[in-house]
N, C-alpha and C. Protein backbone atom coordinates (compact mmCIF):
# COMPACT_ATOMS: atom_id res chain seq x y z
N MET A 1 36.43 -7.53 -26.68
CA MET A 1 34.80 -8.15 -26.31
C MET A 1 33.84 -7.91 -27.59
N LEU A 2 33.86 -6.61 -27.77
CA LEU A 2 32.95 -6.07 -29.20
C LEU A 2 33.54 -6.91 -30.50
N ALA A 3 34.76 -6.49 -30.43
CA ALA A 3 35.71 -7.12 -31.54
C ALA A 3 35.30 -8.56 -32.12
N ARG A 4 35.48 -9.31 -30.92
CA ARG A 4 35.32 -10.59 -30.83
C ARG A 4 33.86 -10.80 -31.25
N GLN A 5 32.85 -10.16 -30.70
CA GLN A 5 31.54 -10.71 -31.32
C GLN A 5 31.19 -10.14 -32.79
N LEU A 6 31.69 -9.38 -32.95
CA LEU A 6 32.12 -8.78 -34.91
C LEU A 6 32.03 -9.96 -35.43
N ASP A 7 33.02 -10.37 -34.91
CA ASP A 7 33.73 -11.51 -35.65
C ASP A 7 32.78 -12.78 -35.55
N GLU A 8 32.36 -13.07 -35.02
CA GLU A 8 31.50 -14.31 -34.49
C GLU A 8 30.22 -14.00 -35.25
N HIS A 9 29.64 -13.03 -35.01
CA HIS A 9 28.46 -12.70 -36.00
C HIS A 9 28.77 -12.92 -37.50
N GLN A 10 30.06 -12.15 -38.38
CA GLN A 10 29.93 -12.23 -39.76
C GLN A 10 30.68 -13.80 -39.79
N GLN A 11 31.28 -14.31 -38.69
CA GLN A 11 32.06 -15.65 -39.55
C GLN A 11 30.33 -16.08 -39.77
N ARG A 12 29.25 -16.42 -38.71
CA ARG A 12 28.45 -17.24 -38.84
C ARG A 12 27.41 -16.85 -40.17
N LEU A 13 27.56 -15.67 -40.79
CA LEU A 13 26.78 -15.12 -41.76
C LEU A 13 27.83 -15.88 -43.53
N LEU A 14 29.08 -15.60 -43.05
CA LEU A 14 29.86 -16.03 -44.04
C LEU A 14 30.05 -17.35 -44.20
N ALA A 15 29.69 -18.36 -43.37
CA ALA A 15 29.28 -19.91 -43.63
C ALA A 15 28.62 -19.69 -44.41
N ILE A 16 27.32 -19.36 -44.23
CA ILE A 16 26.30 -19.04 -45.19
C ILE A 16 26.51 -19.09 -46.59
N LEU A 17 27.31 -17.68 -46.93
CA LEU A 17 27.63 -17.21 -47.86
C LEU A 17 28.49 -18.32 -48.75
N ALA A 18 29.36 -18.96 -48.09
CA ALA A 18 30.55 -19.63 -48.42
C ALA A 18 29.65 -21.11 -48.79
N TRP A 19 28.51 -21.36 -48.05
CA TRP A 19 27.77 -22.54 -48.45
C TRP A 19 27.61 -22.53 -49.67
N ALA A 20 26.40 -21.23 -49.95
CA ALA A 20 25.82 -20.74 -50.96
C ALA A 20 26.49 -20.93 -52.63
N LYS A 21 27.83 -20.71 -52.59
CA LYS A 21 28.48 -20.62 -53.45
C LYS A 21 28.76 -21.46 -54.70
N PRO A 22 29.11 -22.93 -54.22
CA PRO A 22 28.90 -23.85 -55.02
C PRO A 22 27.36 -24.45 -55.77
N MET A 23 26.56 -24.02 -54.05
CA MET A 23 25.31 -24.65 -54.60
C MET A 23 24.62 -23.45 -56.01
N LEU A 24 25.00 -22.36 -55.80
CA LEU A 24 24.43 -21.58 -56.96
C LEU A 24 24.88 -21.69 -58.46
N ALA A 25 26.13 -22.80 -58.54
CA ALA A 25 26.84 -22.88 -59.63
C ALA A 25 26.14 -24.31 -60.31
N ARG A 26 24.98 -24.76 -59.45
CA ARG A 26 24.25 -25.85 -60.40
C ARG A 26 23.59 -25.29 -61.44
N THR A 27 23.67 -26.37 -62.47
CA THR A 27 22.78 -25.80 -63.38
C THR A 27 21.18 -26.02 -63.54
N GLN A 28 20.92 -26.95 -62.28
CA GLN A 28 19.24 -26.90 -61.95
C GLN A 28 18.78 -27.53 -60.56
N PRO A 29 18.36 -26.78 -59.91
CA PRO A 29 18.15 -27.01 -58.21
C PRO A 29 17.42 -28.72 -58.13
N SER A 30 17.48 -29.48 -57.19
CA SER A 30 16.92 -30.24 -56.95
C SER A 30 15.67 -29.98 -56.14
N ASP A 31 14.63 -30.71 -55.43
CA ASP A 31 13.80 -30.39 -55.06
C ASP A 31 14.30 -30.37 -53.25
N ALA A 32 15.12 -31.26 -53.11
CA ALA A 32 15.74 -30.46 -51.72
C ALA A 32 16.71 -29.74 -51.50
N PHE A 33 17.35 -29.39 -52.80
CA PHE A 33 18.16 -27.82 -52.52
C PHE A 33 17.20 -27.03 -52.46
N VAL A 34 16.41 -27.06 -53.17
CA VAL A 34 15.11 -25.83 -53.09
C VAL A 34 14.81 -25.45 -51.55
N ALA A 35 14.44 -26.33 -50.95
CA ALA A 35 13.87 -26.47 -49.49
C ALA A 35 15.21 -26.04 -48.54
N SER A 36 16.07 -26.74 -48.94
CA SER A 36 17.58 -26.34 -47.91
C SER A 36 17.65 -24.71 -48.49
N LEU A 37 17.94 -24.27 -49.54
CA LEU A 37 18.19 -23.05 -49.51
C LEU A 37 16.98 -22.24 -49.25
N ALA A 38 15.63 -22.59 -49.32
CA ALA A 38 14.75 -21.55 -48.24
C ALA A 38 15.38 -21.54 -46.78
N ASP A 39 15.79 -22.75 -46.36
CA ASP A 39 15.73 -22.89 -44.93
C ASP A 39 17.07 -21.86 -44.60
N LYS A 40 18.17 -21.82 -45.40
CA LYS A 40 19.44 -20.69 -45.27
C LYS A 40 18.99 -19.92 -45.83
N ARG A 41 18.26 -19.13 -46.16
CA ARG A 41 17.82 -17.72 -46.59
C ARG A 41 16.89 -17.27 -45.35
N MET A 42 16.20 -18.35 -45.10
CA MET A 42 16.04 -17.82 -43.59
C MET A 42 16.71 -17.64 -42.60
N GLU A 43 17.70 -18.63 -42.38
CA GLU A 43 18.68 -18.45 -41.44
C GLU A 43 19.61 -17.53 -41.43
N MET A 44 20.22 -16.69 -43.21
CA MET A 44 20.50 -15.89 -43.42
C MET A 44 19.96 -14.38 -42.77
N SER A 45 18.48 -14.53 -42.83
CA SER A 45 17.79 -12.97 -42.68
C SER A 45 17.80 -12.93 -41.10
N ARG A 46 17.70 -14.31 -40.17
CA ARG A 46 17.55 -14.14 -38.60
C ARG A 46 19.37 -13.77 -38.23
N LEU A 47 19.98 -14.16 -38.63
CA LEU A 47 21.54 -14.13 -38.45
C LEU A 47 21.65 -12.53 -38.80
N SER A 48 21.10 -12.19 -39.89
CA SER A 48 21.70 -10.59 -39.99
C SER A 48 20.97 -9.58 -39.52
N MET A 49 19.49 -10.09 -38.88
CA MET A 49 19.12 -8.95 -37.69
C MET A 49 19.74 -9.33 -36.59
N GLU A 50 20.27 -10.00 -35.87
CA GLU A 50 20.77 -10.43 -34.84
C GLU A 50 22.21 -9.59 -34.82
N TYR A 51 22.73 -9.55 -36.05
CA TYR A 51 23.95 -8.95 -36.28
C TYR A 51 24.11 -7.49 -36.12
N ALA A 52 22.45 -6.84 -37.09
CA ALA A 52 22.28 -5.67 -36.96
C ALA A 52 22.06 -5.17 -36.00
N LEU A 53 21.48 -5.55 -34.67
CA LEU A 53 20.93 -5.01 -33.42
C LEU A 53 22.03 -5.22 -32.48
N PHE A 54 23.04 -6.05 -32.97
CA PHE A 54 23.89 -5.52 -32.19
C PHE A 54 24.90 -4.81 -32.85
N LYS A 55 25.34 -4.70 -33.63
CA LYS A 55 25.83 -3.26 -34.35
C LYS A 55 25.41 -1.90 -33.67
N HIS A 56 24.06 -2.02 -34.50
CA HIS A 56 23.30 -0.41 -34.13
C HIS A 56 23.43 -0.56 -32.55
N ARG A 57 22.90 -1.32 -31.66
CA ARG A 57 22.94 -1.36 -30.27
C ARG A 57 24.48 -0.91 -29.68
N ASP A 58 25.34 -1.81 -30.05
CA ASP A 58 26.59 -1.94 -29.21
C ASP A 58 27.64 -0.90 -29.94
N ILE A 59 27.53 -0.51 -31.05
CA ILE A 59 28.82 -0.19 -31.63
C ILE A 59 28.15 1.25 -32.25
N PHE A 60 27.55 1.16 -33.10
CA PHE A 60 27.01 2.91 -33.96
C PHE A 60 25.94 3.51 -32.86
N ALA A 61 25.46 3.35 -32.03
CA ALA A 61 24.61 3.81 -31.33
C ALA A 61 25.90 4.73 -30.01
N VAL A 62 26.60 3.67 -29.45
CA VAL A 62 27.71 4.60 -28.61
C VAL A 62 28.66 5.53 -29.62
N ALA A 63 29.05 5.13 -30.53
CA ALA A 63 29.54 6.31 -31.31
C ALA A 63 29.22 7.15 -31.72
N ILE A 64 28.20 7.10 -31.96
CA ILE A 64 27.12 8.35 -32.84
C ILE A 64 26.93 9.09 -31.13
N ALA A 65 26.54 8.76 -30.00
CA ALA A 65 26.61 9.47 -28.79
C ALA A 65 27.96 10.51 -28.61
N ALA A 66 29.19 9.33 -28.57
CA ALA A 66 30.05 10.38 -28.40
C ALA A 66 30.31 11.52 -29.35
N GLY A 67 29.87 11.68 -30.06
CA GLY A 67 29.57 12.56 -31.21
C GLY A 67 31.21 12.93 -32.21
N GLY A 68 31.31 13.87 -32.64
CA GLY A 68 32.82 14.02 -33.16
C GLY A 68 33.10 13.40 -34.07
N GLU A 69 34.20 12.90 -34.51
CA GLU A 69 34.63 12.12 -35.55
C GLU A 69 34.32 10.72 -35.39
N ARG A 70 34.10 10.14 -34.35
CA ARG A 70 33.57 8.83 -33.84
C ARG A 70 31.74 8.84 -34.01
N GLY A 71 31.41 10.19 -33.87
CA GLY A 71 30.08 9.88 -34.61
C GLY A 71 29.40 10.18 -35.67
N ARG A 72 30.48 10.63 -36.56
CA ARG A 72 30.10 10.80 -37.82
C ARG A 72 30.48 9.35 -38.93
N ILE A 73 31.92 8.62 -37.90
CA ILE A 73 31.85 7.53 -38.62
C ILE A 73 31.00 6.59 -38.35
N GLY A 74 29.99 6.65 -36.83
CA GLY A 74 29.17 5.42 -36.57
C GLY A 74 28.02 5.87 -37.29
N LEU A 75 27.29 7.24 -37.68
CA LEU A 75 26.99 7.48 -38.54
C LEU A 75 26.56 6.79 -40.01
N ARG A 76 27.56 7.14 -40.40
CA ARG A 76 28.28 6.83 -41.99
C ARG A 76 27.81 4.77 -41.95
N LEU A 77 28.56 4.31 -40.49
CA LEU A 77 28.27 2.71 -40.74
C LEU A 77 26.95 2.57 -40.59
N LYS A 78 26.11 2.99 -39.94
CA LYS A 78 24.90 2.92 -39.73
C LYS A 78 23.80 3.31 -40.83
N THR A 79 24.44 4.31 -41.70
CA THR A 79 23.72 4.40 -42.91
C THR A 79 23.94 3.47 -44.21
N ALA A 80 25.36 3.05 -44.18
CA ALA A 80 25.52 1.81 -44.87
C ALA A 80 24.94 0.82 -44.67
N CYS A 81 25.09 0.39 -43.58
CA CYS A 81 24.45 -1.02 -42.67
C CYS A 81 22.95 -1.21 -43.47
N VAL A 82 22.05 0.12 -43.25
CA VAL A 82 20.50 0.19 -43.26
C VAL A 82 20.15 -0.19 -44.83
N ALA A 83 21.41 0.66 -45.38
CA ALA A 83 21.26 0.66 -47.06
C ALA A 83 21.65 -0.77 -47.57
N ALA A 84 22.33 -1.59 -46.70
CA ALA A 84 22.65 -3.07 -47.55
C ALA A 84 21.55 -3.84 -47.36
N ALA A 85 21.14 -3.67 -45.70
CA ALA A 85 19.86 -4.22 -45.50
C ALA A 85 18.85 -4.39 -46.07
N GLU A 86 18.39 -3.35 -47.20
CA GLU A 86 17.25 -3.31 -47.85
C GLU A 86 17.85 -3.58 -49.11
N GLU A 87 19.18 -3.34 -49.54
CA GLU A 87 19.24 -4.43 -50.68
C GLU A 87 19.02 -5.70 -50.50
N TYR A 88 19.54 -6.45 -49.52
CA TYR A 88 19.10 -7.69 -49.35
C TYR A 88 17.79 -7.77 -49.62
N ARG A 89 16.89 -7.20 -48.74
CA ARG A 89 15.38 -7.37 -48.52
C ARG A 89 14.82 -7.30 -49.69
N ASP A 90 15.08 -6.38 -50.67
CA ASP A 90 14.66 -6.28 -52.00
C ASP A 90 15.04 -7.54 -52.70
N PHE A 91 16.13 -7.61 -52.94
CA PHE A 91 16.69 -9.34 -53.37
C PHE A 91 15.58 -10.57 -52.95
N ILE A 92 15.49 -10.55 -51.58
CA ILE A 92 14.48 -11.78 -50.98
C ILE A 92 13.19 -11.73 -51.51
N ARG A 93 12.78 -10.21 -51.66
CA ARG A 93 11.29 -9.95 -51.69
C ARG A 93 11.16 -10.55 -53.40
N SER A 94 11.86 -10.00 -54.38
CA SER A 94 11.98 -9.88 -55.76
C SER A 94 11.65 -11.71 -55.88
N ALA A 95 12.44 -12.59 -54.95
CA ALA A 95 12.26 -13.76 -55.19
C ALA A 95 11.32 -14.70 -54.24
N ARG A 96 10.54 -13.97 -53.69
CA ARG A 96 10.04 -14.56 -52.49
C ARG A 96 9.05 -15.68 -53.17
N HIS A 97 8.40 -15.68 -54.32
CA HIS A 97 7.28 -16.16 -54.36
C HIS A 97 7.67 -17.28 -56.43
N LEU A 98 8.91 -16.85 -56.32
CA LEU A 98 9.39 -17.55 -57.39
C LEU A 98 9.47 -18.92 -57.90
N ASP A 99 9.11 -19.22 -58.88
CA ASP A 99 9.39 -20.72 -58.98
C ASP A 99 10.74 -20.98 -59.61
N LEU A 100 11.91 -21.67 -58.51
CA LEU A 100 13.40 -21.73 -58.74
C LEU A 100 13.91 -22.62 -59.28
N HIS A 101 12.73 -23.53 -60.18
CA HIS A 101 12.91 -24.60 -60.92
C HIS A 101 12.97 -23.74 -62.71
N ALA A 102 11.83 -22.93 -62.48
CA ALA A 102 11.74 -22.14 -63.90
C ALA A 102 12.15 -21.16 -64.25
N ARG A 103 13.41 -20.54 -63.21
CA ARG A 103 13.62 -19.41 -63.20
C ARG A 103 15.19 -19.27 -62.59
N TRP A 104 15.65 -21.05 -62.31
CA TRP A 104 16.91 -21.03 -61.98
C TRP A 104 18.19 -20.14 -62.23
N ASP A 105 18.33 -19.86 -63.68
CA ASP A 105 19.32 -19.28 -63.95
C ASP A 105 19.46 -17.49 -63.47
N TRP A 106 18.23 -16.84 -64.07
CA TRP A 106 17.75 -15.60 -63.03
C TRP A 106 18.15 -15.59 -61.72
N TYR A 107 17.68 -16.61 -61.06
CA TYR A 107 17.74 -16.62 -59.61
C TYR A 107 19.02 -16.77 -59.31
N ARG A 108 19.82 -17.57 -59.80
CA ARG A 108 21.36 -18.01 -59.63
C ARG A 108 22.17 -17.07 -59.61
N VAL A 109 22.22 -16.27 -60.66
CA VAL A 109 22.69 -14.84 -61.24
C VAL A 109 22.87 -14.22 -59.87
N GLY A 110 21.25 -13.86 -59.81
CA GLY A 110 21.07 -12.37 -58.75
C GLY A 110 21.46 -12.91 -57.50
N ALA A 111 21.34 -14.45 -57.01
CA ALA A 111 21.77 -14.62 -55.69
C ALA A 111 23.74 -14.61 -55.52
N ALA A 112 24.31 -14.94 -56.57
CA ALA A 112 25.54 -15.29 -56.54
C ALA A 112 25.85 -13.73 -56.40
N ALA A 113 25.40 -12.80 -57.33
CA ALA A 113 25.27 -11.33 -57.00
C ALA A 113 25.57 -10.78 -55.64
N MET A 114 24.24 -11.06 -55.21
CA MET A 114 24.00 -10.52 -53.52
C MET A 114 25.10 -10.92 -52.78
N ALA A 115 25.42 -12.20 -52.72
CA ALA A 115 26.45 -12.85 -52.08
C ALA A 115 27.57 -12.42 -52.35
N GLU A 116 27.87 -12.18 -53.39
CA GLU A 116 29.46 -11.06 -53.49
C GLU A 116 29.46 -9.79 -52.90
N THR A 117 28.36 -9.33 -53.09
CA THR A 117 28.22 -8.04 -52.38
C THR A 117 27.86 -7.77 -50.90
N MET A 118 27.34 -8.69 -50.28
CA MET A 118 27.17 -8.85 -48.99
C MET A 118 28.83 -8.92 -48.37
N LYS A 119 29.56 -10.29 -48.90
CA LYS A 119 30.70 -10.54 -48.65
C LYS A 119 31.44 -9.07 -48.62
N GLU A 120 31.47 -8.35 -49.68
CA GLU A 120 32.39 -7.33 -49.97
C GLU A 120 31.87 -6.16 -48.93
N HIS A 121 30.64 -5.81 -48.43
CA HIS A 121 29.79 -5.14 -47.54
C HIS A 121 30.53 -5.46 -45.86
N LEU A 122 30.65 -6.51 -46.07
CA LEU A 122 30.88 -7.40 -44.58
C LEU A 122 32.36 -7.19 -43.95
N ALA A 123 33.20 -7.01 -45.37
CA ALA A 123 34.86 -7.30 -45.15
C ALA A 123 35.09 -5.30 -45.07
N GLY A 124 34.37 -4.61 -45.37
CA GLY A 124 34.74 -3.32 -45.24
C GLY A 124 34.02 -2.83 -44.23
N GLU A 125 33.07 -3.36 -43.88
CA GLU A 125 32.49 -2.78 -42.48
C GLU A 125 33.10 -3.38 -41.27
N ARG A 126 34.10 -4.69 -41.61
CA ARG A 126 34.42 -5.40 -40.60
C ARG A 126 35.41 -4.32 -40.19
N ALA A 127 36.23 -4.22 -41.28
CA ALA A 127 37.46 -3.14 -41.22
C ALA A 127 37.43 -2.14 -40.39
N ALA A 128 36.01 -1.39 -40.81
CA ALA A 128 36.20 0.13 -40.39
C ALA A 128 35.51 -0.02 -39.00
N ILE A 129 34.71 -1.03 -38.51
CA ILE A 129 34.13 -0.86 -36.93
C ILE A 129 35.51 -1.31 -36.16
N ARG A 130 36.28 -2.14 -36.78
CA ARG A 130 37.61 -2.85 -35.96
C ARG A 130 38.23 -1.45 -35.58
N ASP A 131 38.35 -0.46 -36.54
CA ASP A 131 39.34 0.61 -36.73
C ASP A 131 38.39 1.67 -35.81
N LEU A 132 37.14 1.77 -35.74
CA LEU A 132 36.44 2.88 -34.80
C LEU A 132 36.60 2.23 -33.21
N LEU A 133 36.85 0.82 -33.29
CA LEU A 133 37.01 0.31 -31.90
C LEU A 133 38.53 0.24 -31.45
N GLY A 134 39.17 0.71 -32.31
CA GLY A 134 41.02 0.70 -31.84
C GLY A 134 41.12 -0.48 -31.74
N VAL A 135 40.74 -1.50 -32.89
CA VAL A 135 41.39 -3.24 -32.81
C VAL A 135 42.15 -3.14 -34.20
N SER A 136 43.19 -3.85 -33.77
CA SER A 136 43.73 -4.32 -35.13
C SER A 136 42.70 -5.21 -35.89
N ALA A 137 43.12 -5.40 -37.34
CA ALA A 137 42.20 -6.29 -38.08
C ALA A 137 43.15 -7.37 -38.51
N ARG A 138 42.23 -8.54 -37.28
CA ARG A 138 42.94 -9.98 -38.16
C ARG A 138 42.31 -10.70 -38.87
N PRO A 139 42.74 -11.13 -39.69
CA PRO A 139 41.62 -12.03 -40.34
C PRO A 139 40.74 -12.98 -40.20
N VAL A 140 39.51 -12.80 -40.65
CA VAL A 140 38.70 -13.96 -40.80
C VAL A 140 39.09 -15.34 -41.11
N ALA A 141 38.59 -16.61 -40.14
CA ALA A 141 39.25 -17.78 -40.55
C ALA A 141 38.93 -17.86 -41.75
N ARG A 142 39.55 -18.73 -42.85
CA ARG A 142 39.88 -18.46 -44.27
C ARG A 142 38.66 -19.27 -45.00
N ALA A 143 38.75 -20.51 -44.07
CA ALA A 143 37.45 -21.80 -44.64
C ALA A 143 36.39 -21.23 -44.73
N VAL A 144 35.92 -19.95 -44.06
CA VAL A 144 34.50 -19.46 -43.99
C VAL A 144 34.23 -18.39 -45.18
N CYS A 145 35.45 -17.92 -45.60
CA CYS A 145 35.31 -16.98 -46.20
C CYS A 145 35.48 -17.21 -48.07
N ALA A 146 35.16 -18.73 -47.98
CA ALA A 146 35.79 -19.20 -49.65
C ALA A 146 34.64 -18.65 -50.47
């Protein structure tokens, strides 16, 4: 059950990252794209918060309360999650009032790097959480991870 919920949360996040990849390759954004990008950032923030609440409440807190090795792993994962969330928030803050038309090259390089960082974090976290839960790691749907 928890592994399925983990996968569902991650698939929603990875779908946005997959959407962003070709969009960030554009040489100049249109007004419509800038608007849809803002919507996707908001959706990503909302989904990330839902995912974090799920992990912290249902996985990390339970592991930490168990103590021992499970507790240490839970605390390490929680700490890494908080650090990743701060990195994402810092990027979003730095771009919040940016004129994307004027600073597109700076933004798209930073956004593409943040997307890759997030994908790597999610993959590592998924493997570690599934291991913590004692569930084998099955691949996430390929179309979503592109």
